[in-house]
C-alpha atoms as a PDB file:
ATOM      1  CA  MET A   1     -51.515  14.487 -28.346  1.00  0.00           C
ATOM      2  CA  ALA A   2     -51.478  12.036 -25.467  1.00  0.00           C
ATOM      3  CA  GLU A   3     -50.503  13.260 -22.041  1.00  0.00           C
ATOM      4  CA  LEU A   4     -46.727  13.721 -21.842  1.00  0.00           C
ATOM      5  CA  THR A   5     -44.734  11.357 -19.669  1.00  0.00           C
ATOM      6  CA  ALA A   6     -41.443  12.617 -18.250  1.00  0.00           C
ATOM      7  CA  PRO A   7     -38.411  10.324 -18.025  1.00  0.00           C
ATOM      8  CA  GLY A   8     -38.416   8.355 -14.789  1.00  0.00           C
ATOM      9  CA  PRO A   9     -40.796   5.968 -12.985  1.00  0.00           C
ATOM     10  CA  ILE A  10     -43.916   5.261 -15.032  1.00  0.00           C
ATOM     11  CA  PRO A  11     -47.318   4.962 -13.340  1.00  0.00           C
ATOM     12  CA  ASP A  12     -49.467   1.944 -14.139  1.00  0.00           C
ATOM     13  CA  SER A  13     -51.986   4.164 -15.883  1.00  0.00           C
ATOM     14  CA  ALA A  14     -49.466   5.360 -18.509  1.00  0.00           C
ATOM     15  CA  GLY A  15     -50.093   3.842 -21.922  1.00  0.00           C
ATOM     16  CA  ILE A  16     -47.355   2.614 -24.231  1.00  0.00           C
ATOM     17  CA  ARG A  17     -47.739   4.119 -27.700  1.00  0.00           C
ATOM     18  CA  GLU A  18     -45.415   1.797 -29.615  1.00  0.00           C
ATOM     19  CA  ALA A  19     -42.403  -0.481 -29.425  1.00  0.00           C
ATOM     20  CA  VAL A  20     -39.284   1.028 -30.974  1.00  0.00           C
ATOM     21  CA  CYS A  21     -35.884  -0.427 -31.849  1.00  0.00           C
ATOM     22  CA  ILE A  22     -32.897   1.624 -30.653  1.00  0.00           C
ATOM     23  CA  HIS A  23     -29.144   1.222 -31.024  1.00  0.00           C
ATOM     24  CA  THR A  24     -27.287   1.752 -27.764  1.00  0.00           C
ATOM     25  CA  ARG A  25     -24.628   0.289 -25.515  1.00  0.00           C
ATOM     26  CA  LYS A  26     -25.833  -2.503 -23.279  1.00  0.00           C
ATOM     27  CA  ILE A  27     -23.981  -3.238 -20.026  1.00  0.00           C
ATOM     28  CA  PHE A  28     -23.098  -6.932 -20.020  1.00  0.00           C
ATOM     29  CA  ASP A  29     -21.246  -7.075 -16.706  1.00  0.00           C
ATOM     30  CA  SER A  30     -19.939  -4.685 -14.073  1.00  0.00           C
ATOM     31  CA  CYS A  31     -18.298  -4.650 -10.672  1.00  0.00           C
ATOM     32  CA  ARG A  32     -17.376  -2.131  -8.019  1.00  0.00           C
ATOM     33  CA  ASP A  33     -14.429  -2.167  -5.675  1.00  0.00           C
ATOM     34  CA  LYS A  34     -12.487  -0.190  -3.107  1.00  0.00           C
ATOM     35  CA  ASP A  35      -8.761  -0.848  -3.257  1.00  0.00           C
ATOM     36  CA  CYS A  36      -6.337  -0.142  -0.443  1.00  0.00           C
ATOM     37  CA  VAL A  37      -3.078   0.335  -2.339  1.00  0.00           C
ATOM     38  CA  GLU A  38      -0.206   0.126   0.118  1.00  0.00           C
ATOM     39  CA  ASP A  39       3.301   1.556  -0.242  1.00  0.00           C
ATOM     40  CA  LEU A  40       2.854   3.025  -3.688  1.00  0.00           C
ATOM     41  CA  ARG A  41       6.034   4.815  -4.720  1.00  0.00           C
ATOM     42  CA  VAL A  42       5.768   8.509  -5.594  1.00  0.00           C
ATOM     43  CA  TYR A  43       8.058   9.838  -8.341  1.00  0.00           C
ATOM     44  CA  PRO A  44       8.688  13.483  -7.392  1.00  0.00           C
ATOM     45  CA  THR A  45       9.754  16.269  -9.708  1.00  0.00           C
ATOM     46  CA  ALA A  46      13.457  17.132  -9.724  1.00  0.00           C
ATOM     47  CA  SER A  47      12.900  20.237  -7.596  1.00  0.00           C
ATOM     48  CA  SER A  48      10.721  18.274  -5.162  1.00  0.00           C
ATOM     49  CA  GLN A  49      13.376  15.565  -4.881  1.00  0.00           C
ATOM     50  CA  ALA A  50      15.934  18.192  -3.827  1.00  0.00           C
ATOM     51  CA  VAL A  51      13.584  19.298  -1.054  1.00  0.00           C
ATOM     52  CA  LEU A  52      12.819  15.726   0.041  1.00  0.00           C
ATOM     53  CA  ASP A  53      16.525  14.909   0.418  1.00  0.00           C
ATOM     54  CA  ARG A  54      16.749  17.628   3.090  1.00  0.00           C
ATOM     55  CA  ALA A  55      13.326  16.995   4.673  1.00  0.00           C
ATOM     56  CA  ILE A  56      12.854  15.393   8.078  1.00  0.00           C
ATOM     57  CA  SER A  57       9.123  14.654   7.792  1.00  0.00           C
ATOM     58  CA  LEU A  58       6.118  14.869   5.474  1.00  0.00           C
ATOM     59  CA  LYS A  59       2.506  15.928   5.831  1.00  0.00           C
ATOM     60  CA  ALA A  60       0.140  14.340   3.300  1.00  0.00           C
ATOM     61  CA  GLY A  61      -1.732  16.643   0.956  1.00  0.00           C
ATOM     62  CA  ARG A  62      -4.073  15.200  -1.660  1.00  0.00           C
ATOM     63  CA  ALA A  63      -4.057  12.743  -4.538  1.00  0.00           C
ATOM     64  CA  GLU A  64      -5.618  13.600  -7.882  1.00  0.00           C
ATOM     65  CA  LEU A  65      -6.505  10.992 -10.499  1.00  0.00           C
ATOM     66  CA  LEU A  66      -5.051  12.282 -13.774  1.00  0.00           C
ATOM     67  CA  TYR A  67      -5.861   9.467 -16.187  1.00  0.00           C
ATOM     68  CA  ALA A  68      -6.805   5.803 -16.387  1.00  0.00           C
ATOM     69  CA  TYR A  69      -5.418   3.711 -19.250  1.00  0.00           C
ATOM     70  CA  ILE A  70      -7.712   0.761 -20.067  1.00  0.00           C
ATOM     71  CA  ASP A  71      -6.912  -2.396 -22.036  1.00  0.00           C
ATOM     72  CA  VAL A  72      -9.379  -5.194 -22.864  1.00  0.00           C
ATOM     73  CA  GLU A  73      -8.251  -8.680 -23.900  1.00  0.00           C
ATOM     74  CA  PRO A  74     -10.331 -11.868 -24.393  1.00  0.00           C
ATOM     75  CA  MET A  75      -9.630 -14.858 -22.173  1.00  0.00           C
ATOM     76  CA  GLY A  76      -8.651 -17.794 -24.366  1.00  0.00           C
ATOM     77  CA  PHE A  77      -9.682 -20.493 -21.882  1.00  0.00           C
ATOM     78  CA  HIS A  78     -12.983 -18.877 -20.840  1.00  0.00           C
ATOM     79  CA  ARG A  79     -15.045 -17.776 -23.826  1.00  0.00           C
ATOM     80  CA  GLY A  80     -17.136 -14.671 -23.400  1.00  0.00           C
ATOM     81  CA  PHE A  81     -14.977 -13.352 -20.554  1.00  0.00           C
ATOM     82  CA  TYR A  82     -12.394 -10.585 -20.810  1.00  0.00           C
ATOM     83  CA  THR A  83      -9.592  -9.182 -18.692  1.00  0.00           C
ATOM     84  CA  VAL A  84      -9.800  -5.442 -18.097  1.00  0.00           C
ATOM     85  CA  ASP A  85      -6.425  -4.000 -17.115  1.00  0.00           C
ATOM     86  CA  VAL A  86      -6.510  -0.464 -15.746  1.00  0.00           C
ATOM     87  CA  ARG A  87      -3.474   1.703 -15.022  1.00  0.00           C
ATOM     88  CA  TYR A  88      -4.216   4.710 -12.818  1.00  0.00           C
ATOM     89  CA  PHE A  89      -1.956   7.768 -12.903  1.00  0.00           C
ATOM     90  CA  TYR A  90      -2.052  10.039  -9.827  1.00  0.00           C
ATOM     91  CA  ARG A  91      -0.626  13.437  -8.956  1.00  0.00           C
ATOM     92  CA  VAL A  92       0.265  13.373  -5.244  1.00  0.00           C
ATOM     93  CA  THR A  93       1.082  16.498  -3.229  1.00  0.00           C
ATOM     94  CA  ALA A  94       2.530  16.885   0.251  1.00  0.00           C
ATOM     95  CA  ASP A  95       4.184  19.390   2.594  1.00  0.00           C
ATOM     96  CA  ALA A  96       7.840  18.692   3.382  1.00  0.00           C
ATOM     97  CA  PHE A  97       9.311  20.023   6.620  1.00  0.00           C
ATOM     98  CA  VAL A  98      12.942  21.099   6.362  1.00  0.00           C
ATOM     99  CA  GLY A  99      14.308  22.061   9.774  1.00  0.00           C
ATOM    100  CA  ALA A 100      12.383  24.836  11.483  1.00  0.00           C
ATOM    101  CA  ALA A 101      11.443  26.588   8.253  1.00  0.00           C
ATOM    102  CA  ARG A 102       7.955  26.713   6.834  1.00  0.00           C
ATOM    103  CA  PRO A 103       6.861  23.549   4.992  1.00  0.00           C
ATOM    104  CA  VAL A 104       7.609  23.344   1.287  1.00  0.00           C
ATOM    105  CA  SER A 105       5.013  21.960  -1.139  1.00  0.00           C
ATOM    106  CA  VAL A 106       6.205  18.957  -3.156  1.00  0.00           C
ATOM    107  CA  CYS A 107       4.456  16.857  -5.796  1.00  0.00           C
ATOM    108  CA  GLY A 108       5.026  13.693  -7.752  1.00  0.00           C
ATOM    109  CA  LEU A 109       3.533  10.873  -9.803  1.00  0.00           C
ATOM    110  CA  ALA A 110       2.167   7.554  -8.526  1.00  0.00           C
ATOM    111  CA  VAL A 111       1.011   4.638 -10.690  1.00  0.00           C
ATOM    112  CA  PHE A 112      -1.302   1.748  -9.795  1.00  0.00           C
ATOM    113  CA  ASP A 113      -2.314  -1.284 -11.893  1.00  0.00           C
ATOM    114  CA  LYS A 114      -5.599  -3.131 -11.439  1.00  0.00           C
ATOM    115  CA  ARG A 115      -7.174  -6.097 -13.232  1.00  0.00           C
ATOM    116  CA  ALA A 116     -10.802  -7.228 -13.368  1.00  0.00           C
ATOM    117  CA  ILE A 117     -12.355 -10.214 -15.161  1.00  0.00           C
ATOM    118  CA  LEU A 118     -15.834  -9.567 -16.546  1.00  0.00           C
ATOM    119  CA  PHE A 119     -18.292 -11.172 -18.928  1.00  0.00           C
ATOM    120  CA  GLY A 120     -18.672  -9.328 -22.222  1.00  0.00           C
ATOM    121  CA  GLY A 121     -20.375 -11.808 -24.520  1.00  0.00           C
ATOM    122  CA  GLU A 122     -19.065 -13.200 -27.786  1.00  0.00           C
ATOM    123  CA  GLY A 123     -18.946 -11.593 -31.188  1.00  0.00           C
ATOM    124  CA  SER A 124     -16.807 -11.905 -34.310  1.00  0.00           C
ATOM    125  CA  ALA A 125     -18.476  -9.388 -36.591  1.00  0.00           C
ATOM    126  CA  LYS A 126     -16.469  -6.663 -38.324  1.00  0.00           C
ATOM    127  CA  VAL A 127     -18.037  -3.250 -37.803  1.00  0.00           C
ATOM    128  CA  PHE A 128     -18.058  -0.485 -40.433  1.00  0.00           C
ATOM    129  CA  SER A 129     -19.519   2.995 -40.056  1.00  0.00           C
ATOM    130  CA  SER A 130     -19.691   6.143 -42.184  1.00  0.00           C
ATOM    131  CA  THR A 131     -19.035   9.550 -40.675  1.00  0.00           C
ATOM    132  CA  MET A 132     -19.027  13.088 -42.020  1.00  0.00           C
ATOM    133  CA  SER A 133     -16.023  15.393 -41.830  1.00  0.00           C
ATOM    134  CA  VAL A 134     -16.834  19.097 -42.121  1.00  0.00           C
ATOM    135  CA  GLY A 135     -15.117  20.623 -45.148  1.00  0.00           C
ATOM    136  CA  GLU A 136     -13.971  17.247 -46.458  1.00  0.00           C
ATOM    137  CA  LEU A 137     -15.383  14.381 -48.439  1.00  0.00           C
ATOM    138  CA  ASP A 138     -17.429  11.894 -46.432  1.00  0.00           C
ATOM    139  CA  SER A 139     -15.239   9.049 -45.318  1.00  0.00           C
ATOM    140  CA  GLN A 140     -15.782   5.698 -43.642  1.00  0.00           C
ATOM    141  CA  GLU A 141     -14.277   4.650 -40.366  1.00  0.00           C
ATOM    142  CA  MET A 142     -11.682   1.919 -40.560  1.00  0.00           C
ATOM    143  CA  VAL A 143     -12.964  -1.542 -39.774  1.00  0.00           C
ATOM    144  CA  ARG A 144     -13.023  -2.332 -36.061  1.00  0.00           C
ATOM    145  CA  THR A 145     -13.560  -5.576 -34.214  1.00  0.00           C
ATOM    146  CA  ASN A 146     -16.592  -6.418 -32.171  1.00  0.00           C
ATOM    147  CA  LEU A 147     -14.819  -6.341 -28.804  1.00  0.00           C
ATOM    148  CA  PRO A 148     -16.789  -4.967 -25.866  1.00  0.00           C
ATOM    149  CA  THR A 149     -15.941  -1.511 -24.580  1.00  0.00           C
ATOM    150  CA  ALA A 150     -14.587  -1.139 -21.051  1.00  0.00           C
ATOM    151  CA  VAL A 151     -15.645   1.890 -19.009  1.00  0.00           C
ATOM    152  CA  VAL A 152     -14.083   2.857 -15.674  1.00  0.00           C
ATOM    153  CA  ASP A 153     -15.725   5.276 -13.245  1.00  0.00           C
ATOM    154  CA  ALA A 154     -13.339   6.424 -10.529  1.00  0.00           C
ATOM    155  CA  VAL A 155     -12.968   9.282  -8.063  1.00  0.00           C
ATOM    156  CA  ASP A 156      -9.886  10.946  -6.646  1.00  0.00           C
ATOM    157  CA  PRO A 157      -8.412   8.560  -4.059  1.00  0.00           C
ATOM    158  CA  LEU A 158      -7.999   9.160  -0.351  1.00  0.00           C
ATOM    159  CA  ILE A 159      -4.489   9.368   1.074  1.00  0.00           C
ATOM    160  CA  LEU A 160      -4.468   6.919   3.983  1.00  0.00           C
ATOM    161  CA  SER A 161      -0.807   7.296   4.902  1.00  0.00           C
ATOM    162  CA  MET A 162       2.474   8.690   3.591  1.00  0.00           C
ATOM    163  CA  LYS A 163       6.062   8.100   4.651  1.00  0.00           C
ATOM    164  CA  LEU A 164       9.535   9.349   3.794  1.00  0.00           C
ATOM    165  CA  VAL A 165      12.250   6.676   3.775  1.00  0.00           C
ATOM    166  CA  ASP A 166      15.928   6.302   2.910  1.00  0.00           C
ATOM    167  CA  PRO A 167      16.784   4.416  -0.304  1.00  0.00           C
ATOM    168  CA  CYS A 168      18.011   1.379   1.626  1.00  0.00           C
ATOM    169  CA  ASP A 169      14.769   1.089   3.590  1.00  0.00           C
ATOM    170  CA  ARG A 170      12.459   0.736   0.616  1.00  0.00           C
ATOM    171  CA  PRO A 171       9.450  -1.664   0.856  1.00  0.00           C
ATOM    172  CA  SER A 172       9.581  -5.078  -0.742  1.00  0.00           C
ATOM    173  CA  CYS A 173       7.146  -4.056  -3.524  1.00  0.00           C
ATOM    174  CA  ASP A 174       9.297  -1.459  -5.279  1.00  0.00           C
ATOM    175  CA  CYS A 175       9.555  -2.642  -8.859  1.00  0.00           C
ATOM    176  CA  CYS A 176       8.756   0.662 -10.505  1.00  0.00           C
ATOM    177  CA  GLU A 177      12.148   1.868 -11.675  1.00  0.00           C
ATOM    178  CA  GLY A 178      12.260   2.468 -15.405  1.00  0.00           C
ATOM    179  CA  THR A 179       8.500   3.011 -15.671  1.00  0.00           C
ATOM    180  CA  ASP A 180       7.586   4.470 -19.056  1.00  0.00           C
ATOM    181  CA  ILE A 181       5.707   7.694 -18.322  1.00  0.00           C
ATOM    182  CA  PRO A 182       3.486   9.003 -21.169  1.00  0.00           C
ATOM    183  CA  ALA A 183       4.332  12.514 -22.333  1.00  0.00           C
ATOM    184  CA  ALA A 184       0.791  13.746 -21.635  1.00  0.00           C
ATOM    185  CA  ILE A 185       1.086  12.615 -18.010  1.00  0.00           C
ATOM    186  CA  ALA A 186       4.567  14.076 -17.562  1.00  0.00           C
ATOM    187  CA  GLY A 187       3.236  17.399 -18.887  1.00  0.00           C
ATOM    188  CA  CYS A 188       0.884  17.643 -15.888  1.00  0.00           C
ATOM    189  CA  PHE A 189       3.850  18.375 -13.602  1.00  0.00           C
ATOM    190  CA  PRO A 190       5.847  21.615 -13.278  1.00  0.00           C
ATOM    191  CA  GLY A 191       9.163  19.915 -13.983  1.00  0.00           C
ATOM    192  CA  GLU A 192      10.896  16.734 -15.038  1.00  0.00           C
ATOM    193  CA  LEU A 193      10.047  13.698 -12.928  1.00  0.00           C
ATOM    194  CA  SER A 194      12.825  11.953 -11.037  1.00  0.00           C
ATOM    195  CA  THR A 195      12.693   8.154 -11.439  1.00  0.00           C
ATOM    196  CA  ALA A 196      16.222   7.379 -10.266  1.00  0.00           C
ATOM    197  CA  GLY A 197      16.837   5.240  -7.211  1.00  0.00           C
ATOM    198  CA  GLU A 198      19.039   7.766  -5.420  1.00  0.00           C
ATOM    199  CA  GLY A 199      17.891  10.039  -2.628  1.00  0.00           C
ATOM    200  CA  LYS A 200      15.024   9.721  -0.203  1.00  0.00           C
ATOM    201  CA  ARG A 201      11.803   8.153  -1.373  1.00  0.00           C
ATOM    202  CA  VAL A 202       8.143   8.781  -0.706  1.00  0.00           C
ATOM    203  CA  TYR A 203       5.597   5.982  -0.349  1.00  0.00           C
ATOM    204  CA  VAL A 204       1.865   6.564  -0.155  1.00  0.00           C
ATOM    205  CA  THR A 205      -1.095   4.344   0.695  1.00  0.00           C
ATOM    206  CA  LEU A 206      -4.235   5.217  -1.280  1.00  0.00           C
ATOM    207  CA  GLY A 207      -7.897   4.260  -0.983  1.00  0.00           C
ATOM    208  CA  GLN A 208      -9.406   4.025  -4.456  1.00  0.00           C
ATOM    209  CA  PHE A 209     -13.125   3.603  -5.260  1.00  0.00           C
ATOM    210  CA  SER A 210     -13.980   2.441  -8.764  1.00  0.00           C
ATOM    211  CA  ILE A 211     -16.679   0.894 -10.948  1.00  0.00           C
ATOM    212  CA  ILE A 212     -15.670  -1.142 -13.999  1.00  0.00           C
ATOM    213  CA  ARG A 213     -18.126  -2.307 -16.641  1.00  0.00           C
ATOM    214  CA  LEU A 214     -18.139  -3.936 -20.074  1.00  0.00           C
ATOM    215  CA  GLU A 215     -20.503  -2.523 -22.691  1.00  0.00           C
ATOM    216  CA  ARG A 216     -21.374  -3.766 -26.161  1.00  0.00           C
ATOM    217  CA  ASP A 217     -23.312  -2.153 -28.993  1.00  0.00           C
ATOM    218  CA  ALA A 218     -26.768  -3.701 -29.189  1.00  0.00           C
ATOM    219  CA  GLN A 219     -30.167  -3.155 -30.760  1.00  0.00           C
ATOM    220  CA  LEU A 220     -32.862  -3.181 -28.087  1.00  0.00           C
ATOM    221  CA  LEU A 221     -36.640  -3.185 -28.376  1.00  0.00           C
ATOM    222  CA  ILE A 222     -38.083  -0.779 -25.820  1.00  0.00           C
ATOM    223  CA  PRO A 223     -41.531   0.697 -25.127  1.00  0.00           C
ATOM    224  CA  ALA A 224     -42.074   4.281 -26.307  1.00  0.00           C
ATOM    225  CA  TYR A 225     -44.568   6.581 -24.599  1.00  0.00           C
ATOM    226  CA  ASP A 226     -44.180   9.752 -26.665  1.00  0.00           C
ATOM    227  CA  TYR A 227     -41.623  12.174 -27.993  1.00  0.00           C
ATOM    228  CA  CYS A 228     -39.459  13.765 -25.313  1.00  0.00           C
ATOM    229  CA  ILE A 229     -40.391  17.437 -25.650  1.00  0.00           C
ATOM    230  CA  PRO A 230     -38.539  19.921 -23.380  1.00  0.00           C
ATOM    231  CA  THR A 231     -40.837  21.702 -20.945  1.00  0.00           C
ATOM    232  CA  LYS A 232     -38.291  24.111 -19.384  1.00  0.00           C
ATOM    233  CA  GLU A 233     -37.882  27.535 -20.950  1.00  0.00           C
ATOM    234  CA  CYS A 234     -34.393  28.666 -21.908  1.00  0.00           C
ATOM    235  CA  PRO A 235     -33.098  31.320 -19.483  1.00  0.00           C
ATOM    236  CA  SER A 236     -32.625  34.778 -20.890  1.00  0.00           C
ATOM    237  CA  SER A 237     -29.026  35.835 -21.496  1.00  0.00           C
ATOM    238  CA  GLY A 238     -29.844  39.542 -21.587  1.00  0.00           C
ATOM    239  CA  GLY A 239     -29.138  41.990 -18.800  1.00  0.00           C
ATOM    240  CA  GLU A 240     -32.716  43.199 -18.410  1.00  0.00           C
ATOM    241  CA  GLU A 241     -33.641  41.090 -15.389  1.00  0.00           C
ATOM    242  CA  ASP A 242     -32.778  42.434 -11.954  1.00  0.00           C
ATOM    243  CA  PRO A 243     -29.709  40.535 -10.639  1.00  0.00           C
ATOM    244  CA  CYS A 244     -31.196  40.555  -7.138  1.00  0.00           C
ATOM    245  CA  ALA A 245     -34.326  38.922  -8.528  1.00  0.00           C
ATOM    246  CA  ILE A 246     -32.162  36.240 -10.116  1.00  0.00           C
ATOM    247  CA  PHE A 247     -30.306  35.725  -6.844  1.00  0.00           C
ATOM    248  CA  SER A 248     -33.572  35.394  -4.941  1.00  0.00           C
ATOM    249  CA  LYS A 249     -34.399  32.300  -7.020  1.00  0.00           C
ATOM    250  CA  VAL A 250     -31.177  30.522  -6.027  1.00  0.00           C
ATOM    251  CA  GLN A 251     -31.718  27.995  -3.248  1.00  0.00           C
ATOM    252  CA  PHE A 252     -29.673  28.390  -0.084  1.00  0.00           C
ATOM    253  CA  PRO A 253     -26.720  25.925  -0.213  1.00  0.00           C
ATOM    254  CA  MET A 254     -27.574  24.248   3.075  1.00  0.00           C
ATOM    255  CA  GLU A 255     -25.319  21.229   2.453  1.00  0.00           C
ATOM    256  CA  GLU A 256     -22.303  23.508   2.101  1.00  0.00           C
ATOM    257  CA  PHE A 257     -22.792  24.534   5.724  1.00  0.00           C
ATOM    258  CA  PHE A 258     -24.227  21.296   7.107  1.00  0.00           C
ATOM    259  CA  PRO A 259     -22.875  18.279   5.145  1.00  0.00           C
ATOM    260  CA  SER A 260     -25.276  15.380   4.851  1.00  0.00           C
ATOM    261  CA  ASN A 261     -24.397  12.314   6.877  1.00  0.00           C
ATOM    262  CA  ALA A 262     -27.141  10.039   5.600  1.00  0.00           C
ATOM    263  CA  PRO A 263     -25.887   6.430   5.405  1.00  0.00           C
ATOM    264  CA  HIS A 264     -25.614   4.754   2.044  1.00  0.00           C
ATOM    265  CA  ALA A 265     -27.583   1.648   1.207  1.00  0.00           C
ATOM    266  CA  ASN A 266     -25.749  -1.494   2.232  1.00  0.00           C
ATOM    267  CA  ASP A 267     -25.963  -3.199  -1.129  1.00  0.00           C
ATOM    268  CA  GLU A 268     -23.957  -6.354  -1.491  1.00  0.00           C
ATOM    269  CA  ASP A 269     -20.714  -5.490  -3.229  1.00  0.00           C
ATOM    270  CA  ARG A 270     -19.660  -7.244  -6.389  1.00  0.00           C
ATOM    271  CA  ASP A 271     -15.926  -7.420  -5.985  1.00  0.00           C
ATOM    272  CA  CYS A 272     -13.570  -6.844  -8.885  1.00  0.00           C
ATOM    273  CA  LYS A 273     -10.806  -9.371  -9.022  1.00  0.00           C
ATOM    274  CA  PRO A 274      -7.802  -7.135  -8.326  1.00  0.00           C
ATOM    275  CA  PHE A 275      -4.304  -7.528  -9.661  1.00  0.00           C
ATOM    276  CA  CYS A 276      -2.143  -5.624  -7.192  1.00  0.00           C
ATOM    277  CA  SER A 277       1.162  -4.243  -8.267  1.00  0.00           C
ATOM    278  CA  CYS A 278       3.065  -1.085  -7.657  1.00  0.00           C
ATOM    279  CA  GLY A 279       2.632   0.181 -11.171  1.00  0.00           C
END
């Protein structure tokens, strides 16, 4: 057998054994962006709303990205291009100060909509595929269109600011009343969410980093060097090995004590075309 070549950079001396045809998802277009979402309304739980109505100030906690709903639609006037609409659902926490007592933890939901326009190619084929169901007769998938698939990579956002305001002092962009909250999202909170316009309100400004891309199934011809054979041995699950010997093989977590501050490469950003709303 020829000398094995591990995945990664290939030296010039490596020989290609054959050309193979694979079926995979090819990235047709992608963009990255960092959105500063200002004055995003937070819908607190009912118990949190009762605390906020008596609070005199807030201390920001953290924002957690719960889910991103993605919708892809073709652009009728620009063939091959698609709009990718993303709705982010966040769980936002904070500490509310009520008089001289200890702060009380509150939480709520925030929603942010974003739009990007990307190239995804053209295709009108109808796609059929057979799959196997364990314990059942083999069945075929229902026909699906040849639309590209949108993928969103995102991290938990940064809370840049948070403020507590009276109902009459709400920001101009506050069109979120009556927002339809999916049951799966509402189930992530300890109680029923309060979406009414009464009582004090919380507004948060978030910094969101994201990468959006359009992928399409494609058959690609690629060079093959050899079969990818694992070289690492499976670790033993038995209790025979000395636990101290196992611990001695673990590298010291230096970055946990001294975080790296190496600068990132200043690559030119490809901006998404944002569609800012308050959800």
